[in-house]
Amino acid sequence: MEKEGNKKQQTRARIKSIGAKRFIEAGLRETMIIDIAKEVGIDRRTIYRYYASKELLLIEICADYLNDFVNKVEEISCRQCKNGFGKVEHLLNQYFKLLREEPDVILFLGMIDTSVGQHIYELEMYKELDKHGERLDRFLSEVIEEGQKDGSINSRLEPLEYAVTINNSLVALATRIAIYRPTVLIQGEGISWKLLLNQGKILLESLEHK
């Protein structure tokens, strides 16, 4: 039983690995789940035991990538930052650094946003994806609250609400870039990338206690 379980885990991991590669190369619309199955070395019937559709496969892949992204954000050291505002500034800079190095999570979020219907919001797999976004919101909220306590961040702002605003604003713009100008996001350059950086600066400036 243990060997069978390990084999299933390995097959699932291979499906996701090949699926991620094909989604990045061809996009959701042009990727056929039967082609993923062939590359994995399984038949159509078998792959559907793991994923009922390519959309569900994409959501699980995206959840894995977002979880990895949030883990890396949570590990960012802010020891050299003098106050809460400095920590938020450092975190946003690291956000952009991570996106430049690993843009795939935003590419996948963009595919979900434009190509998968709203019915997914009630699916358990999507709720799992959403949990990772909520973790990022809570993490940033705690840093904002720290800045309010030390006087470096405007105390009139509600920390969690503003953390959600920052994250949603940056993700919304980044996913639009990913959808319409994916090479810009991958290369981390050009006017669209500068707009994304400027959006981060505007959001940051609105936090500062003056």
N, C-alpha and C. Protein backbone atom coordinates (compact mmCIF):
# COMPACT_ATOMS: atom_id res chain seq x y z
N MET A 1 0.83 -1.21 0.00
CA MET A 1 0.00 0.00 0.00
C MET A 1 0.87 1.27 0.00
N GLU A 2 1.97 1.22 0.78
CA GLU A 2 2.84 2.39 0.86
C GLU A 2 3.49 2.66 -0.48
N LYS A 3 3.93 1.57 -1.17
CA LYS A 3 4.55 1.74 -2.49
C LYS A 3 3.54 2.31 -3.49
N GLU A 4 2.29 1.83 -3.40
CA GLU A 4 1.25 2.32 -4.30
C GLU A 4 0.99 3.80 -4.04
N GLY A 5 0.96 4.18 -2.74
CA GLY A 5 0.75 5.58 -2.39
C GLY A 5 1.88 6.46 -2.91
N ASN A 6 3.10 5.99 -2.79
CA ASN A 6 4.26 6.73 -3.29
C ASN A 6 4.20 6.90 -4.80
N LYS A 7 3.77 5.83 -5.47
CA LYS A 7 3.66 5.89 -6.94
C LYS A 7 2.62 6.91 -7.36
N LYS A 8 1.50 6.97 -6.64
CA LYS A 8 0.46 7.95 -6.96
C LYS A 8 0.97 9.37 -6.73
N GLN A 9 1.72 9.55 -5.65
CA GLN A 9 2.30 10.87 -5.37
C GLN A 9 3.27 11.29 -6.46
N GLN A 10 4.07 10.32 -6.92
CA GLN A 10 5.04 10.61 -7.97
C GLN A 10 4.33 10.95 -9.28
N THR A 11 3.25 10.21 -9.57
CA THR A 11 2.49 10.48 -10.80
C THR A 11 1.85 11.85 -10.74
N ARG A 12 1.25 12.18 -9.59
CA ARG A 12 0.62 13.50 -9.41
C ARG A 12 1.66 14.61 -9.57
N ALA A 13 2.83 14.42 -8.98
CA ALA A 13 3.88 15.42 -9.07
C ALA A 13 4.34 15.60 -10.52
N ARG A 14 4.43 14.49 -11.26
CA ARG A 14 4.85 14.57 -12.66
C ARG A 14 3.78 15.24 -13.52
N ILE A 15 2.52 14.94 -13.24
CA ILE A 15 1.43 15.61 -13.96
C ILE A 15 1.52 17.12 -13.76
N LYS A 16 1.74 17.54 -12.51
CA LYS A 16 1.81 18.98 -12.22
C LYS A 16 3.04 19.61 -12.85
N SER A 17 4.16 18.92 -12.82
CA SER A 17 5.39 19.46 -13.40
C SER A 17 5.25 19.67 -14.90
N ILE A 18 4.74 18.65 -15.59
CA ILE A 18 4.56 18.75 -17.04
C ILE A 18 3.44 19.72 -17.38
N GLY A 19 2.37 19.70 -16.58
CA GLY A 19 1.27 20.64 -16.79
C GLY A 19 1.75 22.07 -16.67
N ALA A 20 2.55 22.37 -15.65
CA ALA A 20 3.07 23.73 -15.46
C ALA A 20 3.90 24.17 -16.66
N LYS A 21 4.75 23.26 -17.14
CA LYS A 21 5.60 23.57 -18.30
C LYS A 21 4.76 23.88 -19.53
N ARG A 22 3.73 23.07 -19.77
CA ARG A 22 2.88 23.27 -20.95
C ARG A 22 2.02 24.53 -20.83
N PHE A 23 1.50 24.82 -19.63
CA PHE A 23 0.71 26.03 -19.44
C PHE A 23 1.55 27.28 -19.70
N ILE A 24 2.80 27.26 -19.25
CA ILE A 24 3.69 28.40 -19.47
C ILE A 24 4.02 28.55 -20.96
N GLU A 25 4.26 27.43 -21.63
CA GLU A 25 4.64 27.48 -23.04
C GLU A 25 3.47 27.83 -23.96
N ALA A 26 2.28 27.28 -23.66
CA ALA A 26 1.16 27.41 -24.61
C ALA A 26 -0.07 28.12 -24.06
N GLY A 27 -0.11 28.33 -22.74
CA GLY A 27 -1.31 28.92 -22.16
C GLY A 27 -2.36 27.86 -21.88
N LEU A 28 -3.38 28.24 -21.14
CA LEU A 28 -4.42 27.27 -20.76
C LEU A 28 -5.23 26.80 -21.96
N ARG A 29 -5.62 27.73 -22.80
CA ARG A 29 -6.52 27.39 -23.92
C ARG A 29 -5.90 26.38 -24.88
N GLU A 30 -4.62 26.53 -25.16
CA GLU A 30 -3.97 25.67 -26.15
C GLU A 30 -3.40 24.38 -25.55
N THR A 31 -3.47 24.25 -24.24
CA THR A 31 -2.96 23.05 -23.59
C THR A 31 -4.07 22.01 -23.47
N MET A 32 -3.83 20.82 -23.97
CA MET A 32 -4.80 19.73 -23.89
C MET A 32 -4.37 18.73 -22.83
N ILE A 33 -5.30 18.33 -22.00
CA ILE A 33 -4.94 17.44 -20.90
C ILE A 33 -4.48 16.07 -21.41
N ILE A 34 -4.96 15.67 -22.57
CA ILE A 34 -4.52 14.40 -23.15
C ILE A 34 -3.05 14.46 -23.54
N ASP A 35 -2.59 15.65 -23.95
CA ASP A 35 -1.17 15.81 -24.30
C ASP A 35 -0.29 15.72 -23.05
N ILE A 36 -0.79 16.25 -21.94
CA ILE A 36 -0.07 16.13 -20.68
C ILE A 36 0.02 14.66 -20.29
N ALA A 37 -1.10 13.95 -20.44
CA ALA A 37 -1.13 12.52 -20.10
C ALA A 37 -0.11 11.74 -20.91
N LYS A 38 -0.03 12.03 -22.20
CA LYS A 38 0.92 11.32 -23.07
C LYS A 38 2.36 11.56 -22.62
N GLU A 39 2.67 12.81 -22.26
CA GLU A 39 4.04 13.11 -21.85
C GLU A 39 4.37 12.47 -20.50
N VAL A 40 3.36 12.37 -19.64
CA VAL A 40 3.56 11.71 -18.35
C VAL A 40 3.75 10.21 -18.54
N GLY A 41 3.09 9.67 -19.60
CA GLY A 41 3.16 8.23 -19.84
C GLY A 41 1.96 7.49 -19.29
N ILE A 42 0.82 8.18 -19.19
CA ILE A 42 -0.41 7.55 -18.73
C ILE A 42 -1.51 7.81 -19.76
N ASP A 43 -2.63 7.09 -19.65
CA ASP A 43 -3.71 7.29 -20.61
C ASP A 43 -4.71 8.33 -20.09
N ARG A 44 -5.66 8.68 -20.96
CA ARG A 44 -6.66 9.70 -20.63
C ARG A 44 -7.45 9.33 -19.38
N ARG A 45 -7.86 8.07 -19.29
CA ARG A 45 -8.67 7.63 -18.16
C ARG A 45 -7.93 7.82 -16.84
N THR A 46 -6.63 7.51 -16.85
CA THR A 46 -5.84 7.62 -15.63
C THR A 46 -5.66 9.06 -15.18
N ILE A 47 -5.37 9.98 -16.11
CA ILE A 47 -5.14 11.36 -15.71
C ILE A 47 -6.41 11.98 -15.13
N TYR A 48 -7.57 11.54 -15.65
CA TYR A 48 -8.83 12.09 -15.13
C TYR A 48 -9.14 11.58 -13.72
N ARG A 49 -8.47 10.54 -13.28
CA ARG A 49 -8.62 10.10 -11.89
C ARG A 49 -7.93 11.09 -10.95
N TYR A 50 -6.94 11.78 -11.47
CA TYR A 50 -6.21 12.77 -10.68
C TYR A 50 -6.84 14.16 -10.80
N TYR A 51 -7.20 14.53 -12.01
CA TYR A 51 -7.76 15.86 -12.27
C TYR A 51 -8.91 15.75 -13.27
N ALA A 52 -10.06 16.24 -12.86
CA ALA A 52 -11.25 16.13 -13.71
C ALA A 52 -11.18 17.08 -14.91
N SER A 53 -10.30 18.07 -14.84
CA SER A 53 -10.16 19.02 -15.95
C SER A 53 -8.79 19.69 -15.88
N LYS A 54 -8.40 20.31 -16.97
CA LYS A 54 -7.12 21.03 -16.97
C LYS A 54 -7.20 22.28 -16.09
N GLU A 55 -8.43 22.83 -15.95
CA GLU A 55 -8.61 24.00 -15.09
C GLU A 55 -8.30 23.67 -13.63
N LEU A 56 -8.76 22.50 -13.18
CA LEU A 56 -8.47 22.08 -11.81
C LEU A 56 -6.98 21.80 -11.61
N LEU A 57 -6.36 21.26 -12.64
CA LEU A 57 -4.91 21.04 -12.59
C LEU A 57 -4.19 22.38 -12.45
N LEU A 58 -4.61 23.35 -13.24
CA LEU A 58 -3.99 24.68 -13.18
C LEU A 58 -4.13 25.29 -11.79
N ILE A 59 -5.32 25.17 -11.19
CA ILE A 59 -5.55 25.75 -9.86
C ILE A 59 -4.62 25.12 -8.83
N GLU A 60 -4.46 23.79 -8.88
CA GLU A 60 -3.58 23.14 -7.90
C GLU A 60 -2.13 23.53 -8.12
N ILE A 61 -1.73 23.64 -9.38
CA ILE A 61 -0.36 24.08 -9.68
C ILE A 61 -0.14 25.49 -9.13
N CYS A 62 -1.11 26.37 -9.39
CA CYS A 62 -1.01 27.75 -8.93
C CYS A 62 -0.95 27.82 -7.41
N ALA A 63 -1.74 26.98 -6.73
CA ALA A 63 -1.74 26.95 -5.27
C ALA A 63 -0.35 26.57 -4.75
N ASP A 64 0.29 25.61 -5.40
CA ASP A 64 1.64 25.20 -5.00
C ASP A 64 2.63 26.34 -5.16
N TYR A 65 2.54 27.04 -6.30
CA TYR A 65 3.47 28.13 -6.57
C TYR A 65 3.22 29.31 -5.63
N LEU A 66 1.95 29.60 -5.35
CA LEU A 66 1.64 30.71 -4.44
C LEU A 66 2.08 30.39 -3.02
N ASN A 67 1.90 29.14 -2.61
CA ASN A 67 2.36 28.71 -1.30
C ASN A 67 3.87 28.90 -1.18
N ASP A 68 4.60 28.52 -2.22
CA ASP A 68 6.05 28.68 -2.22
C ASP A 68 6.44 30.16 -2.17
N PHE A 69 5.70 31.00 -2.91
CA PHE A 69 5.96 32.44 -2.92
C PHE A 69 5.76 33.04 -1.52
N VAL A 70 4.63 32.69 -0.89
CA VAL A 70 4.33 33.23 0.45
C VAL A 70 5.36 32.75 1.47
N ASN A 71 5.76 31.49 1.36
CA ASN A 71 6.80 30.97 2.26
C ASN A 71 8.07 31.80 2.16
N LYS A 72 8.45 32.15 0.95
CA LYS A 72 9.67 32.94 0.74
C LYS A 72 9.51 34.36 1.29
N VAL A 73 8.31 34.93 1.12
CA VAL A 73 8.06 36.27 1.67
C VAL A 73 8.17 36.24 3.19
N GLU A 74 7.59 35.20 3.80
CA GLU A 74 7.60 35.09 5.26
C GLU A 74 9.01 34.89 5.82
N GLU A 75 9.91 34.41 4.98
CA GLU A 75 11.29 34.18 5.41
C GLU A 75 12.20 35.39 5.21
N ILE A 76 11.66 36.45 4.60
CA ILE A 76 12.48 37.65 4.34
C ILE A 76 12.91 38.28 5.65
N SER A 77 14.18 38.54 5.75
CA SER A 77 14.73 39.16 6.97
C SER A 77 14.59 40.68 6.90
N CYS A 78 14.04 41.26 7.97
CA CYS A 78 13.90 42.71 8.05
C CYS A 78 14.71 43.28 9.22
N ARG A 79 15.74 42.57 9.61
CA ARG A 79 16.52 42.96 10.79
C ARG A 79 17.17 44.33 10.64
N GLN A 80 17.52 44.69 9.42
CA GLN A 80 18.20 45.97 9.21
C GLN A 80 17.24 47.14 9.08
N CYS A 81 15.95 46.86 9.07
CA CYS A 81 14.94 47.93 8.92
C CYS A 81 14.73 48.65 10.24
N LYS A 82 14.70 49.96 10.21
CA LYS A 82 14.65 50.72 11.46
C LYS A 82 13.25 50.84 12.06
N ASN A 83 12.20 50.62 11.25
CA ASN A 83 10.84 50.71 11.77
C ASN A 83 9.87 49.93 10.88
N GLY A 84 8.59 49.96 11.24
CA GLY A 84 7.59 49.21 10.48
C GLY A 84 7.47 49.66 9.04
N PHE A 85 7.53 50.98 8.81
CA PHE A 85 7.46 51.49 7.44
C PHE A 85 8.63 50.96 6.62
N GLY A 86 9.82 50.97 7.23
CA GLY A 86 11.00 50.44 6.54
C GLY A 86 10.84 48.97 6.19
N LYS A 87 10.17 48.23 7.08
CA LYS A 87 9.93 46.81 6.81
C LYS A 87 8.99 46.62 5.62
N VAL A 88 7.91 47.42 5.57
CA VAL A 88 6.98 47.31 4.44
C VAL A 88 7.71 47.66 3.14
N GLU A 89 8.52 48.71 3.18
CA GLU A 89 9.28 49.11 1.99
C GLU A 89 10.20 47.97 1.54
N HIS A 90 10.89 47.36 2.49
CA HIS A 90 11.79 46.25 2.17
C HIS A 90 11.01 45.06 1.61
N LEU A 91 9.86 44.76 2.22
CA LEU A 91 9.04 43.63 1.76
C LEU A 91 8.56 43.84 0.33
N LEU A 92 8.11 45.06 0.01
CA LEU A 92 7.64 45.33 -1.35
C LEU A 92 8.77 45.20 -2.35
N ASN A 93 9.95 45.67 -1.98
CA ASN A 93 11.11 45.51 -2.87
C ASN A 93 11.41 44.03 -3.11
N GLN A 94 11.27 43.23 -2.06
CA GLN A 94 11.50 41.80 -2.19
C GLN A 94 10.39 41.11 -2.98
N TYR A 95 9.16 41.61 -2.86
CA TYR A 95 8.05 41.11 -3.70
C TYR A 95 8.48 41.17 -5.16
N PHE A 96 8.92 42.37 -5.57
CA PHE A 96 9.25 42.58 -6.97
C PHE A 96 10.47 41.76 -7.39
N LYS A 97 11.40 41.61 -6.48
CA LYS A 97 12.57 40.77 -6.77
C LYS A 97 12.14 39.33 -7.02
N LEU A 98 11.24 38.82 -6.17
CA LEU A 98 10.75 37.45 -6.33
C LEU A 98 9.96 37.29 -7.63
N LEU A 99 9.14 38.30 -7.95
CA LEU A 99 8.35 38.23 -9.18
C LEU A 99 9.25 38.23 -10.42
N ARG A 100 10.32 39.00 -10.34
CA ARG A 100 11.26 39.04 -11.46
C ARG A 100 11.98 37.71 -11.62
N GLU A 101 12.31 37.09 -10.49
CA GLU A 101 13.04 35.82 -10.53
C GLU A 101 12.11 34.64 -10.84
N GLU A 102 10.88 34.71 -10.33
CA GLU A 102 9.94 33.59 -10.48
C GLU A 102 8.55 34.11 -10.86
N PRO A 103 8.38 34.53 -12.12
CA PRO A 103 7.11 35.12 -12.54
C PRO A 103 5.97 34.12 -12.77
N ASP A 104 6.26 32.83 -12.70
CA ASP A 104 5.26 31.83 -13.07
C ASP A 104 3.99 31.91 -12.23
N VAL A 105 4.12 32.23 -10.94
CA VAL A 105 2.92 32.29 -10.09
C VAL A 105 1.95 33.34 -10.60
N ILE A 106 2.46 34.47 -11.08
CA ILE A 106 1.58 35.53 -11.61
C ILE A 106 1.01 35.11 -12.96
N LEU A 107 1.80 34.42 -13.77
CA LEU A 107 1.29 33.91 -15.05
C LEU A 107 0.11 32.96 -14.81
N PHE A 108 0.24 32.09 -13.82
CA PHE A 108 -0.84 31.14 -13.52
C PHE A 108 -2.07 31.85 -12.96
N LEU A 109 -1.85 32.84 -12.09
CA LEU A 109 -2.98 33.60 -11.55
C LEU A 109 -3.72 34.34 -12.67
N GLY A 110 -2.95 34.85 -13.63
CA GLY A 110 -3.56 35.52 -14.77
C GLY A 110 -4.40 34.59 -15.62
N MET A 111 -3.93 33.37 -15.82
CA MET A 111 -4.70 32.37 -16.57
C MET A 111 -6.01 32.05 -15.86
N ILE A 112 -5.94 31.89 -14.55
CA ILE A 112 -7.15 31.59 -13.77
C ILE A 112 -8.12 32.75 -13.86
N ASP A 113 -7.59 33.97 -13.75
CA ASP A 113 -8.43 35.17 -13.75
C ASP A 113 -9.19 35.35 -15.05
N THR A 114 -8.57 35.01 -16.17
CA THR A 114 -9.18 35.29 -17.47
C THR A 114 -9.83 34.08 -18.14
N SER A 115 -9.41 32.88 -17.76
CA SER A 115 -9.84 31.71 -18.53
C SER A 115 -10.68 30.70 -17.75
N VAL A 116 -10.80 30.90 -16.44
CA VAL A 116 -11.56 29.95 -15.63
C VAL A 116 -12.78 30.66 -15.05
N GLY A 117 -13.95 30.06 -15.17
CA GLY A 117 -15.20 30.69 -14.74
C GLY A 117 -15.30 30.91 -13.24
N GLN A 118 -16.26 31.74 -12.84
CA GLN A 118 -16.44 32.09 -11.44
C GLN A 118 -16.91 30.91 -10.59
N HIS A 119 -17.40 29.86 -11.22
CA HIS A 119 -17.87 28.70 -10.46
C HIS A 119 -16.76 28.07 -9.61
N ILE A 120 -15.53 28.35 -9.95
CA ILE A 120 -14.40 27.74 -9.22
C ILE A 120 -14.29 28.27 -7.79
N TYR A 121 -14.86 29.45 -7.53
CA TYR A 121 -14.69 30.07 -6.22
C TYR A 121 -15.21 29.21 -5.08
N GLU A 122 -16.14 28.32 -5.37
CA GLU A 122 -16.71 27.48 -4.33
C GLU A 122 -16.00 26.12 -4.22
N LEU A 123 -15.05 25.86 -5.10
CA LEU A 123 -14.36 24.58 -5.08
C LEU A 123 -13.31 24.55 -3.97
N GLU A 124 -13.16 23.38 -3.35
CA GLU A 124 -12.19 23.24 -2.26
C GLU A 124 -10.78 23.57 -2.72
N MET A 125 -10.45 23.18 -3.94
CA MET A 125 -9.11 23.41 -4.45
C MET A 125 -8.83 24.91 -4.58
N TYR A 126 -9.85 25.69 -5.00
CA TYR A 126 -9.67 27.13 -5.11
C TYR A 126 -9.56 27.76 -3.72
N LYS A 127 -10.34 27.23 -2.78
CA LYS A 127 -10.27 27.75 -1.41
C LYS A 127 -8.88 27.56 -0.82
N GLU A 128 -8.24 26.45 -1.22
CA GLU A 128 -6.87 26.20 -0.77
C GLU A 128 -5.92 27.25 -1.35
N LEU A 129 -6.13 27.59 -2.61
CA LEU A 129 -5.34 28.65 -3.26
C LEU A 129 -5.56 29.98 -2.53
N ASP A 130 -6.81 30.26 -2.21
CA ASP A 130 -7.17 31.51 -1.55
C ASP A 130 -6.53 31.63 -0.16
N LYS A 131 -6.37 30.50 0.52
CA LYS A 131 -5.77 30.51 1.86
C LYS A 131 -4.36 31.08 1.83
N HIS A 132 -3.62 30.77 0.78
CA HIS A 132 -2.24 31.26 0.68
C HIS A 132 -2.24 32.78 0.50
N GLY A 133 -3.19 33.29 -0.28
CA GLY A 133 -3.32 34.74 -0.44
C GLY A 133 -3.67 35.40 0.89
N GLU A 134 -4.52 34.77 1.66
CA GLU A 134 -4.90 35.31 2.98
C GLU A 134 -3.70 35.31 3.92
N ARG A 135 -2.85 34.31 3.82
CA ARG A 135 -1.62 34.29 4.64
C ARG A 135 -0.75 35.49 4.34
N LEU A 136 -0.63 35.82 3.06
CA LEU A 136 0.18 36.96 2.65
C LEU A 136 -0.43 38.25 3.19
N ASP A 137 -1.75 38.35 3.14
CA ASP A 137 -2.44 39.53 3.66
C ASP A 137 -2.19 39.69 5.16
N ARG A 138 -2.32 38.60 5.91
CA ARG A 138 -2.12 38.66 7.36
C ARG A 138 -0.68 39.04 7.72
N PHE A 139 0.26 38.47 6.95
CA PHE A 139 1.67 38.75 7.21
C PHE A 139 1.97 40.24 7.03
N LEU A 140 1.51 40.81 5.92
CA LEU A 140 1.74 42.23 5.66
C LEU A 140 0.98 43.09 6.67
N SER A 141 -0.22 42.66 7.05
CA SER A 141 -1.02 43.38 8.04
C SER A 141 -0.28 43.52 9.36
N GLU A 142 0.39 42.46 9.78
CA GLU A 142 1.12 42.49 11.04
C GLU A 142 2.28 43.49 11.00
N VAL A 143 2.92 43.59 9.83
CA VAL A 143 4.03 44.54 9.69
C VAL A 143 3.48 45.97 9.69
N ILE A 144 2.35 46.19 9.02
CA ILE A 144 1.72 47.52 9.02
C ILE A 144 1.33 47.93 10.45
N GLU A 145 0.77 46.99 11.18
CA GLU A 145 0.39 47.26 12.56
C GLU A 145 1.61 47.61 13.42
N GLU A 146 2.70 46.94 13.15
CA GLU A 146 3.95 47.24 13.87
C GLU A 146 4.38 48.67 13.59
N GLY A 147 4.24 49.08 12.33
CA GLY A 147 4.60 50.45 11.96
C GLY A 147 3.69 51.49 12.59
N GLN A 148 2.42 51.13 12.78
CA GLN A 148 1.50 52.04 13.46
C GLN A 148 1.89 52.21 14.93
N LYS A 149 2.35 51.14 15.54
CA LYS A 149 2.74 51.20 16.95
C LYS A 149 4.00 52.03 17.16
N ASP A 150 4.93 51.97 16.17
CA ASP A 150 6.16 52.75 16.35
C ASP A 150 6.04 54.16 15.74
N GLY A 151 4.87 54.47 15.16
CA GLY A 151 4.61 55.82 14.67
C GLY A 151 5.07 56.10 13.25
N SER A 152 5.58 55.10 12.55
CA SER A 152 6.09 55.33 11.19
C SER A 152 5.01 55.16 10.12
N ILE A 153 3.87 54.56 10.48
CA ILE A 153 2.77 54.32 9.53
C ILE A 153 1.50 54.98 10.05
N ASN A 154 0.76 55.56 9.14
CA ASN A 154 -0.49 56.26 9.45
C ASN A 154 -1.42 55.38 10.30
N SER A 155 -1.77 55.85 11.47
CA SER A 155 -2.57 55.06 12.42
C SER A 155 -4.05 55.01 12.05
N ARG A 156 -4.48 55.86 11.10
CA ARG A 156 -5.90 55.88 10.72
C ARG A 156 -6.26 54.72 9.78
N LEU A 157 -5.27 54.04 9.26
CA LEU A 157 -5.53 52.93 8.34
C LEU A 157 -5.82 51.65 9.11
N GLU A 158 -6.75 50.85 8.59
CA GLU A 158 -7.03 49.54 9.18
C GLU A 158 -6.01 48.56 8.58
N PRO A 159 -5.13 47.96 9.38
CA PRO A 159 -4.00 47.18 8.86
C PRO A 159 -4.36 46.08 7.86
N LEU A 160 -5.31 45.23 8.22
CA LEU A 160 -5.64 44.12 7.32
C LEU A 160 -6.28 44.62 6.04
N GLU A 161 -7.16 45.59 6.17
CA GLU A 161 -7.82 46.15 4.98
C GLU A 161 -6.79 46.74 4.02
N TYR A 162 -5.81 47.44 4.58
CA TYR A 162 -4.82 48.06 3.71
C TYR A 162 -3.85 47.03 3.14
N ALA A 163 -3.54 46.00 3.92
CA ALA A 163 -2.69 44.92 3.40
C ALA A 163 -3.36 44.24 2.21
N VAL A 164 -4.66 43.99 2.34
CA VAL A 164 -5.41 43.38 1.23
C VAL A 164 -5.41 44.31 0.02
N THR A 165 -5.57 45.61 0.26
CA THR A 165 -5.56 46.58 -0.83
C THR A 165 -4.22 46.57 -1.56
N ILE A 166 -3.13 46.57 -0.81
CA ILE A 166 -1.79 46.56 -1.42
C ILE A 166 -1.59 45.29 -2.25
N ASN A 167 -1.85 44.14 -1.64
CA ASN A 167 -1.63 42.88 -2.34
C ASN A 167 -2.53 42.74 -3.56
N ASN A 168 -3.82 43.07 -3.41
CA ASN A 168 -4.75 42.94 -4.53
C ASN A 168 -4.40 43.89 -5.66
N SER A 169 -4.00 45.12 -5.32
CA SER A 169 -3.65 46.11 -6.35
C SER A 169 -2.45 45.65 -7.16
N LEU A 170 -1.42 45.16 -6.47
CA LEU A 170 -0.21 44.73 -7.16
C LEU A 170 -0.45 43.47 -7.98
N VAL A 171 -1.21 42.52 -7.40
CA VAL A 171 -1.50 41.27 -8.12
C VAL A 171 -2.38 41.55 -9.33
N ALA A 172 -3.38 42.44 -9.18
CA ALA A 172 -4.28 42.75 -10.30
C ALA A 172 -3.50 43.34 -11.47
N LEU A 173 -2.61 44.29 -11.19
CA LEU A 173 -1.82 44.90 -12.27
C LEU A 173 -0.83 43.89 -12.85
N ALA A 174 -0.20 43.12 -11.98
CA ALA A 174 0.78 42.13 -12.45
C ALA A 174 0.14 41.06 -13.33
N THR A 175 -1.07 40.61 -12.94
CA THR A 175 -1.73 39.58 -13.75
C THR A 175 -2.15 40.14 -15.11
N ARG A 176 -2.54 41.41 -15.16
CA ARG A 176 -2.88 42.02 -16.45
C ARG A 176 -1.65 42.08 -17.35
N ILE A 177 -0.53 42.42 -16.76
CA ILE A 177 0.72 42.42 -17.53
C ILE A 177 1.03 41.00 -18.01
N ALA A 178 0.84 40.03 -17.11
CA ALA A 178 1.11 38.64 -17.46
C ALA A 178 0.23 38.16 -18.60
N ILE A 179 -1.02 38.61 -18.61
CA ILE A 179 -1.98 38.18 -19.64
C ILE A 179 -1.63 38.77 -21.00
N TYR A 180 -1.37 40.08 -21.01
CA TYR A 180 -1.22 40.78 -22.29
C TYR A 180 0.24 40.99 -22.70
N ARG A 181 1.15 41.02 -21.72
CA ARG A 181 2.57 41.21 -22.05
C ARG A 181 3.43 40.27 -21.22
N PRO A 182 3.26 38.96 -21.37
CA PRO A 182 3.97 38.01 -20.50
C PRO A 182 5.48 38.13 -20.54
N THR A 183 6.04 38.48 -21.70
CA THR A 183 7.50 38.58 -21.79
C THR A 183 8.02 39.73 -20.94
N VAL A 184 7.20 40.78 -20.78
CA VAL A 184 7.60 41.92 -19.94
C VAL A 184 7.79 41.47 -18.50
N LEU A 185 6.83 40.66 -18.01
CA LEU A 185 6.91 40.17 -16.64
C LEU A 185 8.10 39.22 -16.48
N ILE A 186 8.28 38.35 -17.45
CA ILE A 186 9.37 37.38 -17.39
C ILE A 186 10.73 38.07 -17.43
N GLN A 187 10.84 39.13 -18.27
CA GLN A 187 12.12 39.83 -18.41
C GLN A 187 12.33 40.87 -17.33
N GLY A 188 11.22 41.30 -16.66
CA GLY A 188 11.33 42.30 -15.61
C GLY A 188 11.83 43.64 -16.10
N GLU A 189 11.30 44.09 -17.25
CA GLU A 189 11.74 45.37 -17.81
C GLU A 189 10.63 45.96 -18.67
N GLY A 190 10.85 47.19 -19.15
CA GLY A 190 9.87 47.83 -20.01
C GLY A 190 8.92 48.73 -19.24
N ILE A 191 8.09 49.48 -19.98
CA ILE A 191 7.20 50.46 -19.37
C ILE A 191 6.17 49.81 -18.45
N SER A 192 5.67 48.63 -18.81
CA SER A 192 4.68 47.97 -17.96
C SER A 192 5.29 47.57 -16.62
N TRP A 193 6.52 47.11 -16.65
CA TRP A 193 7.21 46.76 -15.40
C TRP A 193 7.43 48.01 -14.55
N LYS A 194 7.77 49.13 -15.19
CA LYS A 194 7.96 50.39 -14.46
C LYS A 194 6.65 50.85 -13.82
N LEU A 195 5.53 50.64 -14.54
CA LEU A 195 4.22 50.99 -13.98
C LEU A 195 3.93 50.17 -12.73
N LEU A 196 4.29 48.90 -12.77
CA LEU A 196 4.08 48.03 -11.61
C LEU A 196 4.92 48.52 -10.42
N LEU A 197 6.17 48.88 -10.67
CA LEU A 197 7.02 49.40 -9.61
C LEU A 197 6.48 50.71 -9.05
N ASN A 198 5.99 51.58 -9.96
CA ASN A 198 5.43 52.86 -9.52
C ASN A 198 4.17 52.67 -8.69
N GLN A 199 3.37 51.67 -9.06
CA GLN A 199 2.18 51.35 -8.26
C GLN A 199 2.58 50.99 -6.84
N GLY A 200 3.65 50.21 -6.72
CA GLY A 200 4.15 49.85 -5.40
C GLY A 200 4.59 51.07 -4.61
N LYS A 201 5.26 52.02 -5.28
CA LYS A 201 5.73 53.24 -4.61
C LYS A 201 4.56 54.10 -4.13
N ILE A 202 3.52 54.19 -4.95
CA ILE A 202 2.34 54.99 -4.58
C ILE A 202 1.67 54.40 -3.34
N LEU A 203 1.50 53.08 -3.35
CA LEU A 203 0.87 52.40 -2.21
C LEU A 203 1.73 52.57 -0.96
N LEU A 204 3.03 52.49 -1.13
CA LEU A 204 3.94 52.64 0.00
C LEU A 204 3.86 54.06 0.58
N GLU A 205 3.89 55.07 -0.29
CA GLU A 205 3.84 56.45 0.16
C GLU A 205 2.57 56.77 0.92
N SER A 206 1.47 56.12 0.55
CA SER A 206 0.19 56.38 1.21
C SER A 206 0.16 55.82 2.63
N LEU A 207 1.10 54.94 2.95
CA LEU A 207 1.18 54.35 4.30
C LEU A 207 1.92 55.26 5.28
N GLU A 208 2.88 56.03 4.77
CA GLU A 208 3.80 56.74 5.65
C GLU A 208 3.11 57.80 6.50
N HIS A 209 3.44 57.80 7.77
CA HIS A 209 2.93 58.83 8.68
C HIS A 209 3.75 60.09 8.50
N LYS A 210 3.07 61.17 8.12
CA LYS A 210 3.80 62.44 7.84
C LYS A 210 3.33 63.52 8.79
